[in-house]
């Protein structure tokens, strides 16, 4: 029984040291910006981000927060609603949900956002993406993307 415990500890140690060498995940760009609902209370939208995993093992993107600015209008924080698993050596697009209230936004900015729907504009996303393999192995990688995106 002691040999089994020893082998279990050695395998856990090797696994943990192997997972701690996660390479930085990359945001390849904003693939789209979709407003689901805008009213006087706030906004509900989706931001589609391309995420590239250069690692030989898969990992999960845990709940992360990003500050979002669209055409100079601060829309609040985009939050991923659930954990998303990313396979090894892949590049896919994932949706991050944006829910924000308009307590610090000017009424004229809200009108510009509502009237300017359907066009393209400059979107800026800042924050930290949290990735990891298990609860105790997590890393944060900075994200700063600023590019033109089409609003659906």
C-alpha atoms as a PDB file:
ATOM      1  CA  UNK A   1       0.000   0.000   0.000  1.00  0.00           C
ATOM      2  CA  UNK A   2       2.864   2.380   0.662  1.00  0.00           C
ATOM      3  CA  UNK A   3       4.269   1.821  -2.827  1.00  0.00           C
ATOM      4  CA  UNK A   4       0.930   2.797  -4.357  1.00  0.00           C
ATOM      5  CA  UNK A   5       0.827   5.988  -2.277  1.00  0.00           C
ATOM      6  CA  UNK A   6       4.384   6.824  -3.274  1.00  0.00           C
ATOM      7  CA  UNK A   7       3.641   6.298  -6.976  1.00  0.00           C
ATOM      8  CA  UNK A   8       0.527   8.441  -6.686  1.00  0.00           C
ATOM      9  CA  UNK A   9       2.512  11.310  -5.110  1.00  0.00           C
ATOM     10  CA  UNK A  10       5.267  11.069  -7.723  1.00  0.00           C
ATOM     11  CA  UNK A  11       2.746  11.092 -10.581  1.00  0.00           C
ATOM     12  CA  UNK A  12       0.935  14.105  -9.063  1.00  0.00           C
ATOM     13  CA  UNK A  13       4.231  15.964  -8.703  1.00  0.00           C
ATOM     14  CA  UNK A  14       5.220  15.268 -12.304  1.00  0.00           C
ATOM     15  CA  UNK A  15       1.800  16.313 -13.552  1.00  0.00           C
ATOM     16  CA  UNK A  16       1.829  19.569 -11.580  1.00  0.00           C
ATOM     17  CA  UNK A  17       5.310  20.556 -12.702  1.00  0.00           C
ATOM     18  CA  UNK A  18       4.391  19.758 -16.296  1.00  0.00           C
ATOM     19  CA  UNK A  19       1.212  21.898 -16.214  1.00  0.00           C
ATOM     20  CA  UNK A  20       2.951  24.877 -14.676  1.00  0.00           C
ATOM     21  CA  UNK A  21       4.763  25.477 -17.992  1.00  0.00           C
ATOM     22  CA  UNK A  22       1.644  26.687 -19.836  1.00  0.00           C
ATOM     23  CA  UNK A  23       2.497  28.982 -22.722  1.00  0.00           C
ATOM     24  CA  UNK A  24       0.661  32.240 -23.102  1.00  0.00           C
ATOM     25  CA  UNK A  25      -2.673  31.921 -24.857  1.00  0.00           C
ATOM     26  CA  UNK A  26      -3.179  34.459 -27.613  1.00  0.00           C
ATOM     27  CA  UNK A  27      -6.183  36.525 -28.584  1.00  0.00           C
ATOM     28  CA  UNK A  28      -6.172  36.509 -32.383  1.00  0.00           C
ATOM     29  CA  UNK A  29      -8.754  39.261 -32.721  1.00  0.00           C
ATOM     30  CA  UNK A  30     -12.323  40.333 -32.378  1.00  0.00           C
ATOM     31  CA  UNK A  31     -14.460  38.228 -34.687  1.00  0.00           C
ATOM     32  CA  UNK A  32     -17.709  40.069 -33.980  1.00  0.00           C
ATOM     33  CA  UNK A  33     -19.765  42.183 -31.645  1.00  0.00           C
ATOM     34  CA  UNK A  34     -23.481  41.456 -31.236  1.00  0.00           C
ATOM     35  CA  UNK A  35     -25.913  43.542 -29.202  1.00  0.00           C
ATOM     36  CA  UNK A  36     -28.688  41.375 -27.815  1.00  0.00           C
ATOM     37  CA  UNK A  37     -30.563  44.079 -25.910  1.00  0.00           C
ATOM     38  CA  UNK A  38     -30.122  47.776 -25.148  1.00  0.00           C
ATOM     39  CA  UNK A  39     -32.482  49.740 -22.945  1.00  0.00           C
ATOM     40  CA  UNK A  40     -32.315  52.586 -20.447  1.00  0.00           C
ATOM     41  CA  UNK A  41     -31.109  50.211 -17.727  1.00  0.00           C
ATOM     42  CA  UNK A  42     -28.121  48.710 -19.538  1.00  0.00           C
ATOM     43  CA  UNK A  43     -26.719  46.571 -22.314  1.00  0.00           C
ATOM     44  CA  UNK A  44     -26.587  42.837 -22.977  1.00  0.00           C
ATOM     45  CA  UNK A  45     -24.158  41.903 -25.762  1.00  0.00           C
ATOM     46  CA  UNK A  46     -21.773  39.192 -26.961  1.00  0.00           C
ATOM     47  CA  UNK A  47     -18.161  39.718 -27.996  1.00  0.00           C
ATOM     48  CA  UNK A  48     -16.647  36.977 -30.124  1.00  0.00           C
ATOM     49  CA  UNK A  49     -12.906  36.618 -29.508  1.00  0.00           C
ATOM     50  CA  UNK A  50     -10.518  34.307 -31.313  1.00  0.00           C
ATOM     51  CA  UNK A  51      -8.353  32.349 -28.839  1.00  0.00           C
ATOM     52  CA  UNK A  52      -5.255  30.420 -29.908  1.00  0.00           C
ATOM     53  CA  UNK A  53      -3.757  27.659 -27.747  1.00  0.00           C
ATOM     54  CA  UNK A  54      -0.084  26.959 -28.619  1.00  0.00           C
ATOM     55  CA  UNK A  55       0.228  24.321 -25.865  1.00  0.00           C
ATOM     56  CA  UNK A  56       0.389  20.568 -26.360  1.00  0.00           C
ATOM     57  CA  UNK A  57      -2.251  20.133 -23.643  1.00  0.00           C
ATOM     58  CA  UNK A  58      -5.758  21.510 -23.473  1.00  0.00           C
ATOM     59  CA  UNK A  59      -6.807  23.978 -20.808  1.00  0.00           C
ATOM     60  CA  UNK A  60      -9.841  25.907 -19.680  1.00  0.00           C
ATOM     61  CA  UNK A  61     -10.558  29.616 -19.862  1.00  0.00           C
ATOM     62  CA  UNK A  62     -12.084  30.415 -16.501  1.00  0.00           C
ATOM     63  CA  UNK A  63     -14.427  33.277 -15.799  1.00  0.00           C
ATOM     64  CA  UNK A  64     -12.547  36.366 -16.896  1.00  0.00           C
ATOM     65  CA  UNK A  65     -13.431  40.044 -17.022  1.00  0.00           C
ATOM     66  CA  UNK A  66     -12.581  42.493 -19.780  1.00  0.00           C
ATOM     67  CA  UNK A  67     -13.209  46.246 -19.960  1.00  0.00           C
ATOM     68  CA  UNK A  68     -14.916  47.072 -23.254  1.00  0.00           C
ATOM     69  CA  UNK A  69     -15.031  50.397 -25.110  1.00  0.00           C
ATOM     70  CA  UNK A  70     -16.934  50.691 -28.417  1.00  0.00           C
ATOM     71  CA  UNK A  71     -16.474  53.894 -30.454  1.00  0.00           C
ATOM     72  CA  UNK A  72     -15.370  55.761 -27.335  1.00  0.00           C
ATOM     73  CA  UNK A  73     -18.352  54.580 -25.273  1.00  0.00           C
ATOM     74  CA  UNK A  74     -17.439  52.621 -22.151  1.00  0.00           C
ATOM     75  CA  UNK A  75     -19.722  49.565 -22.164  1.00  0.00           C
ATOM     76  CA  UNK A  76     -18.547  48.043 -18.900  1.00  0.00           C
ATOM     77  CA  UNK A  77     -17.060  44.623 -18.355  1.00  0.00           C
ATOM     78  CA  UNK A  78     -17.454  41.584 -20.563  1.00  0.00           C
ATOM     79  CA  UNK A  79     -17.622  38.473 -18.417  1.00  0.00           C
ATOM     80  CA  UNK A  80     -17.419  34.912 -19.581  1.00  0.00           C
ATOM     81  CA  UNK A  81     -20.474  33.201 -18.190  1.00  0.00           C
ATOM     82  CA  UNK A  82     -18.938  29.743 -17.864  1.00  0.00           C
ATOM     83  CA  UNK A  83     -15.697  27.860 -18.114  1.00  0.00           C
ATOM     84  CA  UNK A  84     -14.696  27.104 -21.711  1.00  0.00           C
ATOM     85  CA  UNK A  85     -12.403  24.198 -22.581  1.00  0.00           C
ATOM     86  CA  UNK A  86      -9.843  24.793 -25.326  1.00  0.00           C
ATOM     87  CA  UNK A  87      -8.246  21.806 -27.033  1.00  0.00           C
ATOM     88  CA  UNK A  88      -4.506  21.504 -27.571  1.00  0.00           C
ATOM     89  CA  UNK A  89      -2.970  23.330 -30.558  1.00  0.00           C
ATOM     90  CA  UNK A  90      -6.226  24.927 -31.719  1.00  0.00           C
ATOM     91  CA  UNK A  91      -7.587  28.319 -32.607  1.00  0.00           C
ATOM     92  CA  UNK A  92     -11.321  28.895 -32.150  1.00  0.00           C
ATOM     93  CA  UNK A  93     -13.777  31.714 -31.574  1.00  0.00           C
ATOM     94  CA  UNK A  94     -15.529  32.003 -28.210  1.00  0.00           C
ATOM     95  CA  UNK A  95     -18.318  34.314 -27.085  1.00  0.00           C
ATOM     96  CA  UNK A  96     -17.935  36.416 -23.967  1.00  0.00           C
ATOM     97  CA  UNK A  97     -21.133  37.879 -22.537  1.00  0.00           C
ATOM     98  CA  UNK A  98     -21.253  41.608 -21.778  1.00  0.00           C
ATOM     99  CA  UNK A  99     -23.741  42.817 -19.211  1.00  0.00           C
ATOM    100  CA  UNK A 100     -23.444  46.343 -17.943  1.00  0.00           C
ATOM    101  CA  UNK A 101     -25.618  49.058 -16.518  1.00  0.00           C
ATOM    102  CA  UNK A 102     -25.534  52.619 -17.794  1.00  0.00           C
ATOM    103  CA  UNK A 103     -25.072  54.374 -14.451  1.00  0.00           C
ATOM    104  CA  UNK A 104     -21.836  56.081 -15.594  1.00  0.00           C
ATOM    105  CA  UNK A 105     -22.748  56.571 -19.270  1.00  0.00           C
ATOM    106  CA  UNK A 106     -24.105  59.751 -20.824  1.00  0.00           C
ATOM    107  CA  UNK A 107     -27.581  59.507 -22.406  1.00  0.00           C
ATOM    108  CA  UNK A 108     -26.204  60.901 -25.677  1.00  0.00           C
ATOM    109  CA  UNK A 109     -23.650  58.063 -25.816  1.00  0.00           C
ATOM    110  CA  UNK A 110     -26.456  55.529 -25.430  1.00  0.00           C
ATOM    111  CA  UNK A 111     -28.343  57.143 -28.313  1.00  0.00           C
ATOM    112  CA  UNK A 112     -25.187  57.026 -30.481  1.00  0.00           C
ATOM    113  CA  UNK A 113     -24.828  53.340 -29.681  1.00  0.00           C
ATOM    114  CA  UNK A 114     -28.468  52.554 -30.516  1.00  0.00           C
ATOM    115  CA  UNK A 115     -28.528  54.641 -33.716  1.00  0.00           C
ATOM    116  CA  UNK A 116     -25.119  53.411 -34.879  1.00  0.00           C
ATOM    117  CA  UNK A 117     -26.058  49.721 -34.741  1.00  0.00           C
ATOM    118  CA  UNK A 118     -25.245  47.582 -37.746  1.00  0.00           C
ATOM    119  CA  UNK A 119     -22.108  49.474 -38.721  1.00  0.00           C
ATOM    120  CA  UNK A 120     -18.513  48.882 -37.883  1.00  0.00           C
ATOM    121  CA  UNK A 121     -16.618  50.702 -35.186  1.00  0.00           C
ATOM    122  CA  UNK A 122     -13.462  50.634 -33.116  1.00  0.00           C
ATOM    123  CA  UNK A 123     -13.657  48.216 -30.214  1.00  0.00           C
ATOM    124  CA  UNK A 124     -11.075  48.059 -27.421  1.00  0.00           C
ATOM    125  CA  UNK A 125     -10.840  45.155 -24.982  1.00  0.00           C
ATOM    126  CA  UNK A 126      -8.555  45.161 -21.923  1.00  0.00           C
ATOM    127  CA  UNK A 127      -8.256  42.710 -19.077  1.00  0.00           C
ATOM    128  CA  UNK A 128      -6.754  39.460 -17.896  1.00  0.00           C
ATOM    129  CA  UNK A 129      -7.634  36.057 -19.293  1.00  0.00           C
ATOM    130  CA  UNK A 130      -7.497  33.327 -16.642  1.00  0.00           C
ATOM    131  CA  UNK A 131      -6.498  29.927 -17.943  1.00  0.00           C
ATOM    132  CA  UNK A 132      -5.635  26.686 -16.218  1.00  0.00           C
ATOM    133  CA  UNK A 133      -5.919  22.951 -16.042  1.00  0.00           C
ATOM    134  CA  UNK A 134      -7.369  22.428 -12.568  1.00  0.00           C
ATOM    135  CA  UNK A 135      -8.495  24.600  -9.673  1.00  0.00           C
ATOM    136  CA  UNK A 136      -4.999  24.982  -8.280  1.00  0.00           C
ATOM    137  CA  UNK A 137      -3.110  25.540 -11.554  1.00  0.00           C
ATOM    138  CA  UNK A 138      -4.115  28.897 -13.020  1.00  0.00           C
ATOM    139  CA  UNK A 139      -2.355  31.687 -14.813  1.00  0.00           C
ATOM    140  CA  UNK A 140      -3.431  35.141 -15.907  1.00  0.00           C
ATOM    141  CA  UNK A 141      -2.421  36.528 -19.253  1.00  0.00           C
ATOM    142  CA  UNK A 142      -2.948  40.185 -20.183  1.00  0.00           C
ATOM    143  CA  UNK A 143      -5.270  40.942 -23.077  1.00  0.00           C
ATOM    144  CA  UNK A 144      -5.326  44.247 -24.944  1.00  0.00           C
ATOM    145  CA  UNK A 145      -7.033  44.255 -28.333  1.00  0.00           C
ATOM    146  CA  UNK A 146      -8.000  47.364 -30.254  1.00  0.00           C
ATOM    147  CA  UNK A 147      -9.395  46.917 -33.749  1.00  0.00           C
ATOM    148  CA  UNK A 148     -12.317  47.634 -36.018  1.00  0.00           C
ATOM    149  CA  UNK A 149     -15.233  45.224 -35.577  1.00  0.00           C
ATOM    150  CA  UNK A 150     -18.613  44.930 -37.238  1.00  0.00           C
ATOM    151  CA  UNK A 151     -21.655  45.224 -35.006  1.00  0.00           C
ATOM    152  CA  UNK A 152     -24.434  42.714 -35.719  1.00  0.00           C
END
